[in-house]
Amino acid sequence: MTAQELLTLTPAPAQTPEIGVWLSVLREGRERTLRRAAQIADLDAVPERGHSAGTLLYHVALIEMDWLYSEVLEKQEADFPPEARDWFPLDARGEDGKLSAVTGESLERHLERLAWVRARLEETFEGMGLEEFRRVRQMEDYDVTPEWVLMHLALHESHHEGQLSLLPRAQS
C-alpha cells in the first residue's frame, strides 16, 4: 500500500480566519512561482511570443505592491514606502503598452523583491479585521475591497506562473 498525499489548506496566521485562508492561497501560489523560477534556464531569454522570466517575476511583484498600496491602503504613489522605488524603478508597462522588459537581474534579486512585497502584504492583512477586509475602497474608475484584491492577486500570479512553465528549463 502506498502513502496517499494529503491535500489540505491550513489558514495562515491572521486575526480573521477568512483572511488566513486567502493568505494561504497566496502562499501556495508563490511557492509554485518560486519552483518554476528556479527551473528556468535563462531569466532574460524572450520567447517568440511572450515575456522573459525576469520580466514576469518583476511584473508579479510590482502588481502586488501596487494593489496593496493603491487599493488596500489607499495611498498615492508619492506615499509608497521609499524602498518601493528601489525595488521597482520601472513602470509596469512601457509607452508601447507592453510589460517593461527587465533584464540583467539575478534570480536572487527577483526572489528578494517578491519576498519584500509579500512581507508587507502579509503584515497588512494579518492584523486586518473582517469589516476592514470587506470595506469598499472607492477608486476613480472602480470600487474594490481588499478581499477582492487578494482573489485577484492569486489569479494574477497563477496566470504568470503558467507562462513561466512554458519557458525553457535549465538542464539538470
N, C-alpha and C. Protein backbone atom coordinates (compact mmCIF):
# COMPACT_ATOMS: atom_id res chain seq x y z
N MET A 1 0.84 -1.17 0.00
CA MET A 1 0.00 0.00 0.00
C MET A 1 0.90 1.24 0.00
N THR A 2 0.59 2.17 -0.85
CA THR A 2 1.38 3.41 -0.91
C THR A 2 0.71 4.51 -0.09
N ALA A 3 1.54 5.39 0.42
CA ALA A 3 1.00 6.51 1.21
C ALA A 3 0.28 7.47 0.26
N GLN A 4 -0.85 7.90 0.68
CA GLN A 4 -1.64 8.82 -0.12
C GLN A 4 -1.29 10.25 0.27
N GLU A 5 -1.14 11.11 -0.73
CA GLU A 5 -0.83 12.52 -0.48
C GLU A 5 -2.03 13.19 0.18
N LEU A 6 -1.76 13.98 1.22
CA LEU A 6 -2.81 14.70 1.92
C LEU A 6 -2.83 16.14 1.43
N LEU A 7 -3.92 16.54 0.84
CA LEU A 7 -4.07 17.89 0.31
C LEU A 7 -5.06 18.63 1.19
N THR A 8 -4.55 19.56 1.99
CA THR A 8 -5.40 20.36 2.86
C THR A 8 -4.94 21.80 2.80
N LEU A 9 -5.74 22.66 3.34
CA LEU A 9 -5.39 24.07 3.42
C LEU A 9 -5.40 24.47 4.88
N THR A 10 -4.26 24.91 5.35
CA THR A 10 -4.16 25.40 6.72
C THR A 10 -4.11 26.91 6.66
N PRO A 11 -5.10 27.59 7.20
CA PRO A 11 -5.09 29.05 7.13
C PRO A 11 -3.82 29.64 7.75
N ALA A 12 -3.28 30.63 7.10
CA ALA A 12 -2.12 31.35 7.63
C ALA A 12 -2.55 32.11 8.87
N PRO A 13 -1.60 32.43 9.74
CA PRO A 13 -1.95 33.22 10.92
C PRO A 13 -2.55 34.57 10.51
N ALA A 14 -3.69 34.86 11.04
CA ALA A 14 -4.36 36.14 10.78
C ALA A 14 -5.43 36.34 11.85
N GLN A 15 -5.76 37.59 12.06
CA GLN A 15 -6.80 37.93 13.04
C GLN A 15 -8.13 37.29 12.67
N THR A 16 -8.38 37.15 11.39
CA THR A 16 -9.66 36.65 10.89
C THR A 16 -9.42 35.40 10.04
N PRO A 17 -10.09 34.27 10.34
CA PRO A 17 -9.86 33.03 9.58
C PRO A 17 -10.03 33.20 8.06
N GLU A 18 -11.01 33.98 7.63
CA GLU A 18 -11.22 34.18 6.19
C GLU A 18 -9.99 34.78 5.53
N ILE A 19 -9.35 35.70 6.20
CA ILE A 19 -8.15 36.32 5.65
C ILE A 19 -7.01 35.31 5.67
N GLY A 20 -6.93 34.51 6.72
CA GLY A 20 -5.90 33.48 6.79
C GLY A 20 -6.00 32.50 5.63
N VAL A 21 -7.21 32.17 5.22
CA VAL A 21 -7.39 31.27 4.07
C VAL A 21 -6.82 31.92 2.81
N TRP A 22 -7.16 33.18 2.57
CA TRP A 22 -6.65 33.86 1.37
C TRP A 22 -5.13 33.99 1.39
N LEU A 23 -4.56 34.26 2.57
CA LEU A 23 -3.10 34.35 2.66
C LEU A 23 -2.46 32.99 2.35
N SER A 24 -3.12 31.90 2.77
CA SER A 24 -2.61 30.57 2.44
C SER A 24 -2.67 30.29 0.95
N VAL A 25 -3.74 30.74 0.31
CA VAL A 25 -3.85 30.59 -1.14
C VAL A 25 -2.71 31.34 -1.83
N LEU A 26 -2.45 32.55 -1.38
CA LEU A 26 -1.35 33.33 -1.96
C LEU A 26 -0.01 32.64 -1.72
N ARG A 27 0.18 32.07 -0.54
CA ARG A 27 1.45 31.38 -0.25
C ARG A 27 1.64 30.18 -1.17
N GLU A 28 0.59 29.42 -1.38
CA GLU A 28 0.68 28.27 -2.29
C GLU A 28 1.04 28.73 -3.70
N GLY A 29 0.39 29.78 -4.17
CA GLY A 29 0.72 30.31 -5.49
C GLY A 29 2.15 30.77 -5.58
N ARG A 30 2.65 31.43 -4.54
CA ARG A 30 4.03 31.91 -4.55
C ARG A 30 5.02 30.75 -4.56
N GLU A 31 4.72 29.71 -3.79
CA GLU A 31 5.60 28.53 -3.80
C GLU A 31 5.70 27.94 -5.20
N ARG A 32 4.59 27.89 -5.90
CA ARG A 32 4.61 27.36 -7.27
C ARG A 32 5.43 28.27 -8.19
N THR A 33 5.26 29.58 -8.04
CA THR A 33 6.03 30.53 -8.85
C THR A 33 7.52 30.36 -8.58
N LEU A 34 7.90 30.24 -7.33
CA LEU A 34 9.31 30.11 -6.97
C LEU A 34 9.90 28.82 -7.51
N ARG A 35 9.14 27.73 -7.46
CA ARG A 35 9.63 26.46 -8.01
C ARG A 35 9.85 26.58 -9.52
N ARG A 36 8.91 27.22 -10.20
CA ARG A 36 9.07 27.41 -11.65
C ARG A 36 10.29 28.28 -11.96
N ALA A 37 10.40 29.38 -11.23
CA ALA A 37 11.50 30.31 -11.49
C ALA A 37 12.85 29.64 -11.32
N ALA A 38 12.96 28.77 -10.33
CA ALA A 38 14.23 28.09 -10.06
C ALA A 38 14.61 27.12 -11.18
N GLN A 39 13.66 26.74 -12.01
CA GLN A 39 13.92 25.78 -13.09
C GLN A 39 14.27 26.45 -14.41
N ILE A 40 14.14 27.76 -14.51
CA ILE A 40 14.31 28.45 -15.79
C ILE A 40 15.79 28.57 -16.15
N ALA A 41 16.10 28.26 -17.37
CA ALA A 41 17.48 28.27 -17.84
C ALA A 41 18.07 29.68 -17.91
N ASP A 42 17.32 30.61 -18.46
CA ASP A 42 17.83 31.97 -18.69
C ASP A 42 16.71 32.96 -18.40
N LEU A 43 16.86 33.72 -17.33
CA LEU A 43 15.81 34.66 -16.92
C LEU A 43 15.59 35.77 -17.94
N ASP A 44 16.58 36.04 -18.78
CA ASP A 44 16.49 37.14 -19.74
C ASP A 44 16.03 36.69 -21.13
N ALA A 45 15.97 35.40 -21.38
CA ALA A 45 15.57 34.90 -22.70
C ALA A 45 14.11 35.24 -22.96
N VAL A 46 13.84 35.81 -24.12
CA VAL A 46 12.48 36.19 -24.51
C VAL A 46 11.98 35.20 -25.55
N PRO A 47 10.92 34.48 -25.25
CA PRO A 47 10.38 33.53 -26.23
C PRO A 47 9.80 34.29 -27.43
N GLU A 48 9.55 33.55 -28.49
CA GLU A 48 8.99 34.16 -29.70
C GLU A 48 7.72 34.94 -29.38
N ARG A 49 6.89 34.39 -28.55
CA ARG A 49 5.68 35.07 -28.10
C ARG A 49 5.69 35.08 -26.58
N GLY A 50 5.68 36.24 -26.00
CA GLY A 50 5.63 36.30 -24.55
C GLY A 50 6.73 37.16 -23.97
N HIS A 51 7.02 36.92 -22.70
CA HIS A 51 7.96 37.73 -21.95
C HIS A 51 9.00 36.84 -21.29
N SER A 52 10.13 37.42 -20.95
CA SER A 52 11.17 36.68 -20.24
C SER A 52 10.70 36.39 -18.82
N ALA A 53 11.36 35.44 -18.19
CA ALA A 53 11.05 35.11 -16.79
C ALA A 53 11.32 36.31 -15.90
N GLY A 54 12.41 37.03 -16.15
CA GLY A 54 12.73 38.20 -15.34
C GLY A 54 11.63 39.26 -15.41
N THR A 55 11.13 39.48 -16.60
CA THR A 55 10.05 40.45 -16.78
C THR A 55 8.79 39.99 -16.04
N LEU A 56 8.46 38.72 -16.12
CA LEU A 56 7.26 38.20 -15.46
C LEU A 56 7.39 38.27 -13.94
N LEU A 57 8.55 37.92 -13.41
CA LEU A 57 8.75 37.97 -11.96
C LEU A 57 8.66 39.40 -11.44
N TYR A 58 9.25 40.34 -12.17
CA TYR A 58 9.17 41.75 -11.78
C TYR A 58 7.72 42.21 -11.80
N HIS A 59 7.01 41.85 -12.86
CA HIS A 59 5.61 42.24 -13.03
C HIS A 59 4.73 41.71 -11.90
N VAL A 60 4.89 40.44 -11.53
CA VAL A 60 4.10 39.86 -10.45
C VAL A 60 4.31 40.66 -9.16
N ALA A 61 5.56 40.95 -8.84
CA ALA A 61 5.86 41.70 -7.62
C ALA A 61 5.33 43.12 -7.68
N LEU A 62 5.51 43.78 -8.82
CA LEU A 62 5.06 45.17 -8.96
C LEU A 62 3.54 45.29 -8.83
N ILE A 63 2.82 44.40 -9.47
CA ILE A 63 1.36 44.45 -9.40
C ILE A 63 0.89 44.20 -7.98
N GLU A 64 1.52 43.27 -7.29
CA GLU A 64 1.16 43.01 -5.89
C GLU A 64 1.40 44.26 -5.04
N MET A 65 2.54 44.90 -5.24
CA MET A 65 2.86 46.11 -4.48
C MET A 65 1.86 47.22 -4.79
N ASP A 66 1.53 47.39 -6.04
CA ASP A 66 0.63 48.47 -6.43
C ASP A 66 -0.78 48.27 -5.87
N TRP A 67 -1.32 47.06 -5.98
CA TRP A 67 -2.65 46.80 -5.43
C TRP A 67 -2.65 46.98 -3.92
N LEU A 68 -1.59 46.54 -3.25
CA LEU A 68 -1.52 46.68 -1.81
C LEU A 68 -1.56 48.15 -1.40
N TYR A 69 -0.68 48.94 -1.96
CA TYR A 69 -0.59 50.34 -1.53
C TYR A 69 -1.69 51.22 -2.11
N SER A 70 -2.01 51.04 -3.38
CA SER A 70 -3.02 51.91 -4.01
C SER A 70 -4.44 51.60 -3.56
N GLU A 71 -4.83 50.34 -3.67
CA GLU A 71 -6.22 49.99 -3.38
C GLU A 71 -6.45 49.66 -1.92
N VAL A 72 -5.65 48.76 -1.35
CA VAL A 72 -5.91 48.31 0.02
C VAL A 72 -5.60 49.41 1.02
N LEU A 73 -4.42 50.01 0.92
CA LEU A 73 -4.01 51.04 1.88
C LEU A 73 -4.39 52.45 1.44
N GLU A 74 -4.92 52.56 0.23
CA GLU A 74 -5.44 53.83 -0.31
C GLU A 74 -4.40 54.95 -0.28
N LYS A 75 -3.20 54.62 -0.75
CA LYS A 75 -2.12 55.60 -0.78
C LYS A 75 -1.85 56.05 -2.22
N GLN A 76 -1.40 57.27 -2.35
CA GLN A 76 -0.94 57.78 -3.63
C GLN A 76 0.49 57.28 -3.84
N GLU A 77 0.92 57.19 -5.07
CA GLU A 77 2.26 56.67 -5.36
C GLU A 77 3.34 57.44 -4.59
N ALA A 78 3.18 58.73 -4.43
CA ALA A 78 4.16 59.53 -3.69
C ALA A 78 4.25 59.11 -2.23
N ASP A 79 3.23 58.42 -1.72
CA ASP A 79 3.20 57.99 -0.33
C ASP A 79 3.61 56.53 -0.13
N PHE A 80 4.02 55.85 -1.23
CA PHE A 80 4.52 54.49 -1.10
C PHE A 80 5.82 54.54 -0.30
N PRO A 81 6.22 53.45 0.34
CA PRO A 81 7.47 53.47 1.10
C PRO A 81 8.65 53.79 0.17
N PRO A 82 9.67 54.48 0.69
CA PRO A 82 10.82 54.85 -0.15
C PRO A 82 11.49 53.66 -0.81
N GLU A 83 11.48 52.49 -0.15
CA GLU A 83 12.11 51.30 -0.73
C GLU A 83 11.41 50.85 -2.01
N ALA A 84 10.17 51.22 -2.17
CA ALA A 84 9.42 50.79 -3.36
C ALA A 84 10.11 51.25 -4.63
N ARG A 85 10.65 52.46 -4.64
CA ARG A 85 11.33 52.97 -5.85
C ARG A 85 12.61 52.17 -6.12
N ASP A 86 13.28 51.73 -5.04
CA ASP A 86 14.50 50.92 -5.22
C ASP A 86 14.16 49.56 -5.83
N TRP A 87 13.10 48.96 -5.34
CA TRP A 87 12.69 47.64 -5.84
C TRP A 87 12.02 47.72 -7.21
N PHE A 88 11.36 48.85 -7.48
CA PHE A 88 10.56 48.97 -8.70
C PHE A 88 10.90 50.26 -9.46
N PRO A 89 12.07 50.31 -10.07
CA PRO A 89 12.44 51.53 -10.80
C PRO A 89 11.69 51.70 -12.12
N LEU A 90 11.13 50.61 -12.65
CA LEU A 90 10.42 50.67 -13.93
C LEU A 90 8.92 50.64 -13.71
N ASP A 91 8.18 51.34 -14.57
CA ASP A 91 6.73 51.25 -14.56
C ASP A 91 6.31 49.86 -15.04
N ALA A 92 5.08 49.50 -14.79
CA ALA A 92 4.57 48.19 -15.20
C ALA A 92 4.65 48.00 -16.72
N ARG A 93 4.37 49.06 -17.45
CA ARG A 93 4.35 48.97 -18.91
C ARG A 93 5.10 50.14 -19.53
N GLY A 94 5.65 49.87 -20.70
CA GLY A 94 6.32 50.92 -21.45
C GLY A 94 5.32 51.72 -22.26
N GLU A 95 5.81 52.68 -23.00
CA GLU A 95 4.93 53.52 -23.83
C GLU A 95 4.18 52.71 -24.87
N ASP A 96 4.74 51.57 -25.27
CA ASP A 96 4.09 50.71 -26.26
C ASP A 96 2.98 49.85 -25.66
N GLY A 97 2.77 49.95 -24.34
CA GLY A 97 1.72 49.19 -23.68
C GLY A 97 2.15 47.79 -23.25
N LYS A 98 3.35 47.38 -23.62
CA LYS A 98 3.84 46.05 -23.25
C LYS A 98 4.51 46.12 -21.88
N LEU A 99 4.59 44.96 -21.24
CA LEU A 99 5.28 44.91 -19.95
C LEU A 99 6.69 45.45 -20.10
N SER A 100 7.13 46.22 -19.13
CA SER A 100 8.50 46.73 -19.15
C SER A 100 9.45 45.54 -19.07
N ALA A 101 10.41 45.51 -19.98
CA ALA A 101 11.38 44.42 -20.02
C ALA A 101 12.38 44.59 -18.88
N VAL A 102 12.57 43.53 -18.13
CA VAL A 102 13.51 43.54 -17.02
C VAL A 102 14.59 42.51 -17.32
N THR A 103 15.82 42.98 -17.45
CA THR A 103 16.93 42.09 -17.79
C THR A 103 18.12 42.36 -16.86
N GLY A 104 19.02 41.41 -16.83
CA GLY A 104 20.27 41.58 -16.12
C GLY A 104 20.20 41.41 -14.62
N GLU A 105 19.09 40.94 -14.11
CA GLU A 105 18.97 40.74 -12.67
C GLU A 105 19.07 39.26 -12.34
N SER A 106 19.69 38.96 -11.22
CA SER A 106 19.83 37.57 -10.79
C SER A 106 18.50 37.04 -10.26
N LEU A 107 18.43 35.72 -10.21
CA LEU A 107 17.25 35.10 -9.62
C LEU A 107 17.11 35.54 -8.16
N GLU A 108 18.23 35.66 -7.46
CA GLU A 108 18.20 36.08 -6.06
C GLU A 108 17.55 37.46 -5.91
N ARG A 109 17.88 38.39 -6.80
CA ARG A 109 17.30 39.73 -6.74
C ARG A 109 15.79 39.67 -6.95
N HIS A 110 15.35 38.88 -7.91
CA HIS A 110 13.91 38.73 -8.15
C HIS A 110 13.22 38.13 -6.92
N LEU A 111 13.85 37.12 -6.32
CA LEU A 111 13.25 36.47 -5.16
C LEU A 111 13.19 37.42 -3.96
N GLU A 112 14.22 38.24 -3.79
CA GLU A 112 14.22 39.23 -2.71
C GLU A 112 13.10 40.25 -2.91
N ARG A 113 12.88 40.67 -4.15
CA ARG A 113 11.81 41.64 -4.45
C ARG A 113 10.46 41.03 -4.13
N LEU A 114 10.24 39.80 -4.58
CA LEU A 114 8.98 39.11 -4.29
C LEU A 114 8.77 38.96 -2.79
N ALA A 115 9.83 38.63 -2.06
CA ALA A 115 9.73 38.47 -0.61
C ALA A 115 9.45 39.81 0.07
N TRP A 116 10.08 40.87 -0.41
CA TRP A 116 9.88 42.20 0.20
C TRP A 116 8.41 42.61 0.13
N VAL A 117 7.83 42.50 -1.05
CA VAL A 117 6.45 42.94 -1.19
C VAL A 117 5.49 41.99 -0.46
N ARG A 118 5.78 40.70 -0.49
CA ARG A 118 4.89 39.76 0.20
C ARG A 118 4.90 39.99 1.70
N ALA A 119 6.05 40.32 2.26
CA ALA A 119 6.12 40.59 3.70
C ALA A 119 5.22 41.76 4.07
N ARG A 120 5.20 42.81 3.25
CA ARG A 120 4.35 43.96 3.51
C ARG A 120 2.88 43.60 3.37
N LEU A 121 2.56 42.80 2.37
CA LEU A 121 1.17 42.38 2.16
C LEU A 121 0.69 41.55 3.36
N GLU A 122 1.47 40.56 3.76
CA GLU A 122 1.05 39.71 4.87
C GLU A 122 0.94 40.50 6.16
N GLU A 123 1.88 41.40 6.40
CA GLU A 123 1.82 42.24 7.59
C GLU A 123 0.53 43.06 7.61
N THR A 124 0.15 43.58 6.47
CA THR A 124 -1.07 44.38 6.36
C THR A 124 -2.31 43.55 6.66
N PHE A 125 -2.37 42.36 6.06
CA PHE A 125 -3.59 41.56 6.16
C PHE A 125 -3.70 40.75 7.45
N GLU A 126 -2.56 40.35 8.03
CA GLU A 126 -2.62 39.52 9.23
C GLU A 126 -3.38 40.19 10.37
N GLY A 127 -3.26 41.50 10.49
CA GLY A 127 -3.93 42.20 11.58
C GLY A 127 -5.25 42.84 11.19
N MET A 128 -5.70 42.62 9.99
CA MET A 128 -6.92 43.25 9.50
C MET A 128 -8.17 42.50 9.97
N GLY A 129 -9.16 43.23 10.39
CA GLY A 129 -10.44 42.63 10.76
C GLY A 129 -11.31 42.42 9.54
N LEU A 130 -12.35 41.63 9.71
CA LEU A 130 -13.24 41.29 8.60
C LEU A 130 -13.95 42.51 8.05
N GLU A 131 -14.33 43.43 8.91
CA GLU A 131 -15.02 44.64 8.43
C GLU A 131 -14.13 45.44 7.49
N GLU A 132 -12.88 45.62 7.86
CA GLU A 132 -11.94 46.37 7.01
C GLU A 132 -11.62 45.58 5.73
N PHE A 133 -11.56 44.27 5.85
CA PHE A 133 -11.30 43.38 4.71
C PHE A 133 -12.38 43.52 3.64
N ARG A 134 -13.58 43.79 4.10
CA ARG A 134 -14.71 43.88 3.16
C ARG A 134 -15.18 45.31 2.92
N ARG A 135 -14.46 46.29 3.50
CA ARG A 135 -14.81 47.69 3.29
C ARG A 135 -14.47 48.09 1.85
N VAL A 136 -15.42 48.68 1.18
CA VAL A 136 -15.23 49.09 -0.21
C VAL A 136 -14.34 50.34 -0.27
N ARG A 137 -13.32 50.24 -1.13
CA ARG A 137 -12.47 51.39 -1.42
C ARG A 137 -12.99 52.01 -2.71
N GLN A 138 -13.22 53.29 -2.67
CA GLN A 138 -13.74 53.97 -3.86
C GLN A 138 -12.57 54.59 -4.62
N MET A 139 -12.32 54.01 -5.78
CA MET A 139 -11.25 54.47 -6.64
C MET A 139 -11.87 55.33 -7.75
N GLU A 140 -11.04 55.92 -8.56
CA GLU A 140 -11.55 56.78 -9.62
C GLU A 140 -12.38 56.01 -10.65
N ASP A 141 -11.89 54.80 -11.04
CA ASP A 141 -12.55 54.06 -12.11
C ASP A 141 -13.35 52.85 -11.65
N TYR A 142 -13.25 52.49 -10.38
CA TYR A 142 -13.94 51.30 -9.88
C TYR A 142 -13.94 51.35 -8.35
N ASP A 143 -14.75 50.51 -7.76
CA ASP A 143 -14.75 50.31 -6.31
C ASP A 143 -14.25 48.90 -6.06
N VAL A 144 -13.53 48.71 -4.95
CA VAL A 144 -12.88 47.42 -4.71
C VAL A 144 -12.72 47.18 -3.21
N THR A 145 -12.74 45.91 -2.83
CA THR A 145 -12.48 45.54 -1.44
C THR A 145 -11.12 44.83 -1.36
N PRO A 146 -10.48 44.86 -0.19
CA PRO A 146 -9.25 44.09 -0.02
C PRO A 146 -9.46 42.59 -0.27
N GLU A 147 -10.65 42.10 0.05
CA GLU A 147 -10.96 40.69 -0.21
C GLU A 147 -10.83 40.40 -1.71
N TRP A 148 -11.39 41.26 -2.54
CA TRP A 148 -11.30 41.07 -4.00
C TRP A 148 -9.84 41.19 -4.45
N VAL A 149 -9.08 42.09 -3.83
CA VAL A 149 -7.67 42.26 -4.20
C VAL A 149 -6.91 40.95 -4.01
N LEU A 150 -7.12 40.27 -2.88
CA LEU A 150 -6.41 39.02 -2.66
C LEU A 150 -6.80 37.96 -3.69
N MET A 151 -8.09 37.89 -4.03
CA MET A 151 -8.53 36.96 -5.06
C MET A 151 -7.84 37.29 -6.38
N HIS A 152 -7.82 38.56 -6.73
CA HIS A 152 -7.20 39.00 -7.98
C HIS A 152 -5.71 38.66 -8.01
N LEU A 153 -5.01 38.93 -6.92
CA LEU A 153 -3.57 38.65 -6.88
C LEU A 153 -3.29 37.16 -7.01
N ALA A 154 -4.14 36.32 -6.42
CA ALA A 154 -3.96 34.88 -6.55
C ALA A 154 -4.12 34.44 -8.00
N LEU A 155 -5.14 34.94 -8.66
CA LEU A 155 -5.35 34.60 -10.07
C LEU A 155 -4.25 35.17 -10.96
N HIS A 156 -3.83 36.39 -10.68
CA HIS A 156 -2.79 37.05 -11.46
C HIS A 156 -1.49 36.24 -11.39
N GLU A 157 -1.10 35.86 -10.19
CA GLU A 157 0.15 35.11 -10.06
C GLU A 157 0.04 33.74 -10.72
N SER A 158 -1.11 33.10 -10.58
CA SER A 158 -1.32 31.80 -11.21
C SER A 158 -1.18 31.89 -12.73
N HIS A 159 -1.73 32.94 -13.29
CA HIS A 159 -1.63 33.15 -14.74
C HIS A 159 -0.17 33.24 -15.16
N HIS A 160 0.61 34.04 -14.45
CA HIS A 160 2.00 34.23 -14.84
C HIS A 160 2.87 33.02 -14.49
N GLU A 161 2.48 32.26 -13.47
CA GLU A 161 3.20 31.01 -13.18
C GLU A 161 3.01 30.06 -14.36
N GLY A 162 1.84 30.07 -14.94
CA GLY A 162 1.60 29.26 -16.14
C GLY A 162 2.49 29.69 -17.29
N GLN A 163 2.68 30.99 -17.46
CA GLN A 163 3.59 31.46 -18.51
C GLN A 163 5.02 31.03 -18.23
N LEU A 164 5.43 31.10 -16.96
CA LEU A 164 6.78 30.65 -16.60
C LEU A 164 6.98 29.18 -16.94
N SER A 165 5.92 28.40 -16.79
CA SER A 165 6.04 26.96 -17.05
C SER A 165 6.33 26.64 -18.51
N LEU A 166 6.08 27.59 -19.38
CA LEU A 166 6.32 27.38 -20.81
C LEU A 166 7.73 27.77 -21.26
N LEU A 167 8.50 28.38 -20.38
CA LEU A 167 9.85 28.82 -20.72
C LEU A 167 10.84 27.65 -20.60
N PRO A 168 11.93 27.71 -21.39
CA PRO A 168 12.91 26.61 -21.34
C PRO A 168 13.50 26.42 -19.94
N ARG A 169 13.59 25.17 -19.55
CA ARG A 169 14.14 24.82 -18.24
C ARG A 169 15.65 24.62 -18.34
N ALA A 170 16.30 24.84 -17.20
CA ALA A 170 17.74 24.58 -17.11
C ALA A 170 17.96 23.07 -17.18
N GLN A 171 19.08 22.67 -17.77
CA GLN A 171 19.43 21.24 -17.84
C GLN A 171 19.96 20.81 -16.47
N SER A 172 19.44 19.70 -15.95
CA SER A 172 19.93 19.24 -14.65
C SER A 172 21.10 18.30 -14.81
